[in-house]
């Protein structure tokens, strides 16, 4: 499955890319770069950041920025549409108030929003509350 994801996104198959992608697949929540670093055995930091950048550019992962400048990365769903740096997802970013983890939660349909005299390129919906493990 990992190799197929990389092939589908037209990314060269390398053992390092497969290892980094496996870290995302092993997590059901968004993760920080430090989480990726902790999961890898031996790596070059520049190669890691280039790999993350490539994954974002190809629509394999997306960056989530929550209040307080909390930045995490999450695997994009297979139906993610990626055009010119914008990701289109049908999910909400949920942050637990207790454990502070961030999850991508699928929703049947996001609301369609139009604003007179504005061109909307991207909409992000963030929710805060308590995850199943903290309720």
N, C-alpha and C. Protein backbone atom coordinates (compact mmCIF):
# COMPACT_ATOMS: atom_id res chain seq x y z
N UNK A 1 0.81 -1.20 0.00
CA UNK A 1 0.00 0.00 0.00
C UNK A 1 0.86 1.27 0.00
N UNK A 2 1.94 1.26 0.76
CA UNK A 2 2.83 2.42 0.81
C UNK A 2 3.42 2.70 -0.56
N UNK A 3 3.92 1.66 -1.20
CA UNK A 3 4.51 1.84 -2.52
C UNK A 3 3.49 2.37 -3.51
N UNK A 4 2.26 1.88 -3.43
CA UNK A 4 1.22 2.32 -4.34
C UNK A 4 0.87 3.80 -4.11
N UNK A 5 0.80 4.22 -2.87
CA UNK A 5 0.54 5.63 -2.57
C UNK A 5 1.61 6.53 -3.17
N UNK A 6 2.86 6.14 -3.02
CA UNK A 6 3.95 6.93 -3.58
C UNK A 6 3.89 6.94 -5.10
N UNK A 7 3.59 5.80 -5.70
CA UNK A 7 3.47 5.73 -7.16
C UNK A 7 2.31 6.59 -7.65
N UNK A 8 1.17 6.51 -6.94
CA UNK A 8 -0.02 7.29 -7.33
C UNK A 8 0.25 8.79 -7.32
N UNK A 9 1.11 9.22 -6.42
CA UNK A 9 1.44 10.65 -6.30
C UNK A 9 2.67 11.01 -7.12
N UNK A 10 3.16 10.05 -7.89
CA UNK A 10 4.33 10.23 -8.77
C UNK A 10 5.57 10.65 -7.98
N UNK A 11 5.76 9.98 -6.85
CA UNK A 11 6.96 10.19 -6.04
C UNK A 11 7.87 8.98 -6.21
N UNK A 12 9.14 9.26 -6.33
CA UNK A 12 10.13 8.19 -6.49
C UNK A 12 10.14 7.31 -5.23
N UNK A 13 10.21 6.02 -5.44
CA UNK A 13 10.23 5.08 -4.32
C UNK A 13 11.63 5.01 -3.73
N UNK A 14 11.75 5.46 -2.51
CA UNK A 14 13.01 5.31 -1.78
C UNK A 14 12.69 4.69 -0.43
N UNK A 15 13.67 4.05 0.16
CA UNK A 15 13.43 3.42 1.46
C UNK A 15 13.10 4.50 2.51
N UNK A 16 13.72 5.67 2.40
CA UNK A 16 13.44 6.73 3.38
C UNK A 16 12.01 7.24 3.24
N UNK A 17 11.55 7.48 2.02
CA UNK A 17 10.17 7.95 1.81
C UNK A 17 9.18 6.91 2.33
N UNK A 18 9.46 5.64 2.10
CA UNK A 18 8.57 4.59 2.60
C UNK A 18 8.54 4.59 4.12
N UNK A 19 9.70 4.80 4.74
CA UNK A 19 9.79 4.82 6.20
C UNK A 19 9.01 6.01 6.78
N UNK A 20 9.15 7.18 6.17
CA UNK A 20 8.43 8.37 6.64
C UNK A 20 6.93 8.19 6.45
N UNK A 21 6.52 7.67 5.32
CA UNK A 21 5.10 7.44 5.06
C UNK A 21 4.53 6.43 6.05
N UNK A 22 5.31 5.43 6.41
CA UNK A 22 4.86 4.44 7.39
C UNK A 22 4.56 5.10 8.74
N UNK A 23 5.34 6.09 9.13
CA UNK A 23 5.10 6.81 10.38
C UNK A 23 3.70 7.44 10.35
N UNK A 24 3.33 8.04 9.22
CA UNK A 24 1.99 8.63 9.10
C UNK A 24 0.91 7.56 9.15
N UNK A 25 1.16 6.45 8.49
CA UNK A 25 0.15 5.38 8.44
C UNK A 25 -0.04 4.71 9.80
N UNK A 26 0.97 4.76 10.64
CA UNK A 26 0.89 4.16 11.97
C UNK A 26 0.16 5.04 12.98
N UNK A 27 -0.20 6.26 12.59
CA UNK A 27 -0.85 7.20 13.50
C UNK A 27 -2.26 7.52 13.00
N UNK A 28 -3.21 7.56 13.92
CA UNK A 28 -4.57 7.92 13.56
C UNK A 28 -4.85 9.39 13.86
N UNK A 29 -3.80 10.11 14.23
CA UNK A 29 -3.92 11.53 14.55
C UNK A 29 -2.85 12.30 13.80
N UNK A 30 -2.98 13.62 13.80
CA UNK A 30 -1.95 14.46 13.19
C UNK A 30 -0.70 14.41 14.06
N UNK A 31 0.46 14.53 13.42
CA UNK A 31 1.71 14.41 14.16
C UNK A 31 2.63 15.60 13.86
N UNK A 32 3.49 15.88 14.81
CA UNK A 32 4.48 16.95 14.66
C UNK A 32 5.73 16.38 13.99
N UNK A 33 6.53 17.26 13.44
CA UNK A 33 7.80 16.84 12.84
C UNK A 33 8.65 16.11 13.89
N UNK A 34 8.60 16.57 15.12
CA UNK A 34 9.38 15.91 16.18
C UNK A 34 8.92 14.47 16.40
N UNK A 35 7.62 14.19 16.19
CA UNK A 35 7.13 12.81 16.30
C UNK A 35 7.73 11.94 15.21
N UNK A 36 7.86 12.50 14.02
CA UNK A 36 8.46 11.77 12.91
C UNK A 36 9.93 11.50 13.22
N UNK A 37 10.62 12.53 13.69
CA UNK A 37 12.04 12.37 14.04
C UNK A 37 12.23 11.29 15.10
N UNK A 38 11.34 11.25 16.10
CA UNK A 38 11.43 10.24 17.17
C UNK A 38 11.21 8.83 16.64
N UNK A 39 10.40 8.70 15.60
CA UNK A 39 10.07 7.38 15.06
C UNK A 39 11.15 6.84 14.12
N UNK A 40 11.97 7.73 13.58
CA UNK A 40 13.02 7.30 12.65
C UNK A 40 14.29 6.95 13.39
N UNK A 41 15.00 5.96 12.89
CA UNK A 41 16.24 5.54 13.53
C UNK A 41 17.41 6.45 13.16
N UNK A 42 17.75 6.45 11.92
CA UNK A 42 18.90 7.21 11.46
C UNK A 42 18.46 8.00 10.24
N UNK A 43 18.59 9.33 10.31
CA UNK A 43 18.11 10.14 9.20
C UNK A 43 18.89 11.44 9.12
N UNK A 44 18.83 12.04 7.96
CA UNK A 44 19.40 13.35 7.72
C UNK A 44 18.25 14.35 7.80
N UNK A 45 18.38 15.35 8.63
CA UNK A 45 17.30 16.31 8.87
C UNK A 45 16.89 17.03 7.58
N UNK A 46 17.84 17.39 6.74
CA UNK A 46 17.52 18.08 5.49
C UNK A 46 16.70 17.16 4.59
N UNK A 47 17.07 15.90 4.52
CA UNK A 47 16.32 14.93 3.71
C UNK A 47 14.90 14.78 4.25
N UNK A 48 14.74 14.77 5.56
CA UNK A 48 13.41 14.67 6.15
C UNK A 48 12.55 15.86 5.74
N UNK A 49 13.09 17.07 5.88
CA UNK A 49 12.31 18.26 5.53
C UNK A 49 11.99 18.31 4.04
N UNK A 50 12.90 17.86 3.21
CA UNK A 50 12.62 17.80 1.77
C UNK A 50 11.54 16.77 1.47
N UNK A 51 11.58 15.66 2.17
CA UNK A 51 10.57 14.61 1.99
C UNK A 51 9.20 15.14 2.40
N UNK A 52 9.12 15.80 3.54
CA UNK A 52 7.85 16.37 4.00
C UNK A 52 7.34 17.40 3.00
N UNK A 53 8.22 18.24 2.50
CA UNK A 53 7.82 19.25 1.51
C UNK A 53 7.28 18.58 0.25
N UNK A 54 7.93 17.54 -0.22
CA UNK A 54 7.47 16.80 -1.40
C UNK A 54 6.10 16.16 -1.15
N UNK A 55 5.93 15.58 0.03
CA UNK A 55 4.66 14.96 0.37
C UNK A 55 3.52 15.99 0.38
N UNK A 56 3.80 17.17 0.90
CA UNK A 56 2.78 18.23 0.92
C UNK A 56 2.47 18.70 -0.50
N UNK A 57 3.52 18.95 -1.28
CA UNK A 57 3.33 19.44 -2.65
C UNK A 57 2.56 18.46 -3.52
N UNK A 58 2.73 17.17 -3.28
CA UNK A 58 2.06 16.15 -4.09
C UNK A 58 0.69 15.75 -3.52
N UNK A 59 0.30 16.35 -2.39
CA UNK A 59 -1.02 16.05 -1.83
C UNK A 59 -1.08 14.75 -1.07
N UNK A 60 0.04 14.28 -0.57
CA UNK A 60 0.07 13.05 0.20
C UNK A 60 -0.21 13.34 1.68
N UNK A 61 0.29 14.45 2.17
CA UNK A 61 0.02 14.90 3.54
C UNK A 61 -0.40 16.37 3.48
N UNK A 62 -0.98 16.85 4.57
CA UNK A 62 -1.32 18.27 4.66
C UNK A 62 -0.94 18.80 6.02
N UNK A 63 -0.69 20.10 6.05
CA UNK A 63 -0.31 20.77 7.29
C UNK A 63 -1.56 21.32 7.94
N UNK A 64 -1.61 21.19 9.25
CA UNK A 64 -2.71 21.71 10.04
C UNK A 64 -2.13 22.72 11.02
N UNK A 65 -2.67 23.93 11.01
CA UNK A 65 -2.23 24.97 11.94
C UNK A 65 -3.43 25.31 12.82
N UNK A 66 -3.28 25.07 14.10
CA UNK A 66 -4.35 25.34 15.06
C UNK A 66 -3.98 26.56 15.90
N UNK A 67 -4.93 27.10 16.66
CA UNK A 67 -4.62 28.25 17.52
C UNK A 67 -3.41 27.99 18.40
N UNK A 68 -2.65 29.04 18.64
CA UNK A 68 -1.43 28.92 19.43
C UNK A 68 -0.25 28.49 18.57
N UNK A 69 -0.38 28.62 17.25
CA UNK A 69 0.65 28.22 16.29
C UNK A 69 1.06 26.76 16.42
N UNK A 70 0.11 25.91 16.78
CA UNK A 70 0.35 24.48 16.83
C UNK A 70 0.32 23.96 15.39
N UNK A 71 1.44 23.39 14.94
CA UNK A 71 1.54 22.87 13.58
C UNK A 71 1.73 21.37 13.62
N UNK A 72 0.87 20.68 12.88
CA UNK A 72 0.95 19.23 12.78
C UNK A 72 0.78 18.84 11.32
N UNK A 73 1.07 17.59 11.03
CA UNK A 73 0.94 17.05 9.68
C UNK A 73 0.05 15.80 9.75
N UNK A 74 -0.75 15.62 8.70
CA UNK A 74 -1.62 14.45 8.66
C UNK A 74 -1.66 13.89 7.25
N UNK A 75 -1.86 12.60 7.18
CA UNK A 75 -2.00 11.91 5.90
C UNK A 75 -3.30 12.37 5.25
N UNK A 76 -3.23 12.68 3.98
CA UNK A 76 -4.43 13.08 3.25
C UNK A 76 -5.26 11.85 2.93
N UNK A 77 -6.58 12.01 2.96
CA UNK A 77 -7.41 10.87 2.54
C UNK A 77 -7.18 10.59 1.06
N UNK A 78 -7.50 9.40 0.63
CA UNK A 78 -7.25 9.04 -0.77
C UNK A 78 -8.05 9.90 -1.74
N UNK A 79 -9.17 10.46 -1.28
CA UNK A 79 -9.97 11.29 -2.17
C UNK A 79 -9.57 12.76 -2.12
N UNK A 80 -8.44 13.06 -1.53
CA UNK A 80 -7.95 14.44 -1.46
C UNK A 80 -7.68 14.95 -2.87
N UNK A 81 -8.19 16.11 -3.15
CA UNK A 81 -7.93 16.76 -4.44
C UNK A 81 -6.87 17.81 -4.20
N UNK A 82 -5.84 17.77 -4.99
CA UNK A 82 -4.70 18.67 -4.80
C UNK A 82 -4.45 19.43 -6.08
N UNK A 83 -4.62 20.73 -6.02
CA UNK A 83 -4.38 21.58 -7.18
C UNK A 83 -3.58 22.80 -6.75
N UNK A 84 -2.45 23.03 -7.35
CA UNK A 84 -1.65 24.24 -7.14
C UNK A 84 -1.49 24.62 -5.68
N UNK A 85 -1.13 23.65 -4.85
CA UNK A 85 -0.82 23.95 -3.46
C UNK A 85 -2.01 23.97 -2.52
N UNK A 86 -3.22 23.78 -3.02
CA UNK A 86 -4.39 23.77 -2.15
C UNK A 86 -4.94 22.35 -2.04
N UNK A 87 -5.26 21.95 -0.86
CA UNK A 87 -5.85 20.64 -0.62
C UNK A 87 -7.34 20.81 -0.39
N UNK A 88 -8.12 19.96 -1.00
CA UNK A 88 -9.56 19.98 -0.78
C UNK A 88 -9.95 18.71 -0.05
N UNK A 89 -10.40 18.87 1.18
CA UNK A 89 -10.80 17.74 2.00
C UNK A 89 -12.24 17.92 2.44
N UNK A 90 -12.89 16.82 2.75
CA UNK A 90 -14.21 16.87 3.36
C UNK A 90 -14.06 16.37 4.79
N UNK A 91 -13.25 17.07 5.55
CA UNK A 91 -13.11 16.71 6.96
C UNK A 91 -12.85 17.95 7.81
N UNK A 92 -13.03 17.77 9.09
CA UNK A 92 -12.85 18.82 10.07
C UNK A 92 -11.60 18.50 10.88
N UNK A 93 -10.84 19.52 11.24
CA UNK A 93 -9.70 19.33 12.13
C UNK A 93 -10.20 19.52 13.55
N UNK A 94 -10.10 18.47 14.35
CA UNK A 94 -10.61 18.46 15.72
C UNK A 94 -9.44 18.39 16.69
N UNK A 95 -9.43 19.30 17.66
CA UNK A 95 -8.38 19.28 18.69
C UNK A 95 -9.02 19.02 20.04
N UNK A 96 -8.52 18.00 20.72
CA UNK A 96 -9.03 17.65 22.05
C UNK A 96 -8.51 18.66 23.07
N UNK A 97 -9.41 19.15 23.90
CA UNK A 97 -9.03 20.14 24.92
C UNK A 97 -8.19 19.51 26.03
N UNK A 98 -8.32 18.20 26.22
CA UNK A 98 -7.60 17.55 27.32
C UNK A 98 -6.22 17.04 26.88
N UNK A 99 -6.19 16.17 25.87
CA UNK A 99 -4.91 15.57 25.46
C UNK A 99 -4.18 16.40 24.41
N UNK A 100 -4.87 17.40 23.83
CA UNK A 100 -4.30 18.34 22.84
C UNK A 100 -4.01 17.70 21.49
N UNK A 101 -4.38 16.43 21.31
CA UNK A 101 -4.16 15.77 20.02
C UNK A 101 -5.08 16.37 18.96
N UNK A 102 -4.66 16.29 17.70
CA UNK A 102 -5.44 16.81 16.59
C UNK A 102 -5.79 15.64 15.67
N UNK A 103 -7.06 15.57 15.30
CA UNK A 103 -7.56 14.49 14.45
C UNK A 103 -8.24 15.08 13.22
N UNK A 104 -8.14 14.38 12.11
CA UNK A 104 -8.92 14.71 10.92
C UNK A 104 -10.17 13.85 11.00
N UNK A 105 -11.34 14.49 11.08
CA UNK A 105 -12.60 13.78 11.25
C UNK A 105 -13.43 13.93 9.98
N UNK A 106 -13.78 12.81 9.38
CA UNK A 106 -14.58 12.84 8.16
C UNK A 106 -16.00 13.30 8.47
N UNK A 107 -16.54 14.11 7.60
CA UNK A 107 -17.93 14.56 7.68
C UNK A 107 -18.58 14.29 6.32
N UNK A 108 -19.89 14.03 6.30
CA UNK A 108 -20.54 13.71 5.02
C UNK A 108 -20.39 14.81 3.98
N UNK A 109 -20.56 16.06 4.39
CA UNK A 109 -20.44 17.17 3.43
C UNK A 109 -20.17 18.46 4.20
N UNK A 110 -19.22 19.19 3.72
CA UNK A 110 -18.96 20.50 4.31
C UNK A 110 -19.92 21.52 3.70
N UNK A 111 -20.27 22.55 4.46
CA UNK A 111 -21.19 23.55 3.91
C UNK A 111 -20.55 24.32 2.76
N UNK A 112 -21.36 24.67 1.79
CA UNK A 112 -20.91 25.52 0.68
C UNK A 112 -21.07 26.96 1.14
N UNK A 113 -20.01 27.72 1.03
CA UNK A 113 -20.03 29.11 1.47
C UNK A 113 -19.64 30.01 0.31
N UNK A 114 -20.40 31.06 0.12
CA UNK A 114 -20.02 32.06 -0.86
C UNK A 114 -20.18 33.42 -0.21
N UNK A 115 -19.25 34.29 -0.48
CA UNK A 115 -19.26 35.64 0.07
C UNK A 115 -19.26 36.63 -1.08
N UNK A 116 -20.24 37.52 -1.12
CA UNK A 116 -20.28 38.51 -2.20
C UNK A 116 -18.98 39.32 -2.24
N UNK A 117 -18.46 39.50 -3.43
CA UNK A 117 -17.25 40.29 -3.67
C UNK A 117 -15.97 39.63 -3.18
N UNK A 118 -16.01 38.34 -2.85
CA UNK A 118 -14.82 37.62 -2.41
C UNK A 118 -14.71 36.32 -3.20
N UNK A 119 -13.48 35.92 -3.46
CA UNK A 119 -13.22 34.63 -4.08
C UNK A 119 -12.65 33.73 -3.00
N UNK A 120 -13.35 32.68 -2.67
CA UNK A 120 -12.90 31.74 -1.64
C UNK A 120 -12.10 30.63 -2.32
N UNK A 121 -10.86 30.48 -1.91
CA UNK A 121 -10.01 29.43 -2.46
C UNK A 121 -9.93 28.21 -1.55
N UNK A 122 -10.10 28.44 -0.26
CA UNK A 122 -9.93 27.35 0.70
C UNK A 122 -10.71 27.68 1.96
N UNK A 123 -11.34 26.67 2.54
CA UNK A 123 -12.05 26.82 3.81
C UNK A 123 -11.52 25.76 4.76
N UNK A 124 -11.20 26.16 5.98
CA UNK A 124 -10.78 25.22 7.01
C UNK A 124 -11.78 25.29 8.15
N UNK A 125 -12.21 24.13 8.61
CA UNK A 125 -13.11 24.08 9.75
C UNK A 125 -12.38 23.39 10.88
N UNK A 126 -12.34 24.08 12.03
CA UNK A 126 -11.68 23.53 13.21
C UNK A 126 -12.71 23.37 14.31
N UNK A 127 -12.63 22.27 15.01
CA UNK A 127 -13.53 22.01 16.12
C UNK A 127 -12.68 21.68 17.35
N UNK A 128 -13.21 22.01 18.50
CA UNK A 128 -12.50 21.77 19.76
C UNK A 128 -13.49 21.12 20.73
N UNK A 129 -13.03 20.18 21.50
CA UNK A 129 -13.87 19.48 22.46
C UNK A 129 -13.05 18.36 23.08
N UNK A 130 -13.70 17.23 23.33
CA UNK A 130 -13.02 16.11 23.95
C UNK A 130 -13.10 14.88 23.05
N UNK A 131 -11.95 14.27 22.78
CA UNK A 131 -11.91 13.08 21.93
C UNK A 131 -12.50 11.89 22.68
N UNK A 132 -12.70 10.79 21.96
CA UNK A 132 -13.31 9.59 22.55
C UNK A 132 -12.49 9.07 23.73
N UNK A 133 -11.18 9.20 23.67
CA UNK A 133 -10.34 8.71 24.76
C UNK A 133 -10.34 9.59 26.00
N UNK A 134 -10.78 10.81 25.88
CA UNK A 134 -10.74 11.77 27.01
C UNK A 134 -12.11 12.13 27.55
N UNK A 135 -13.16 11.66 26.90
CA UNK A 135 -14.52 12.02 27.36
C UNK A 135 -14.87 11.40 28.67
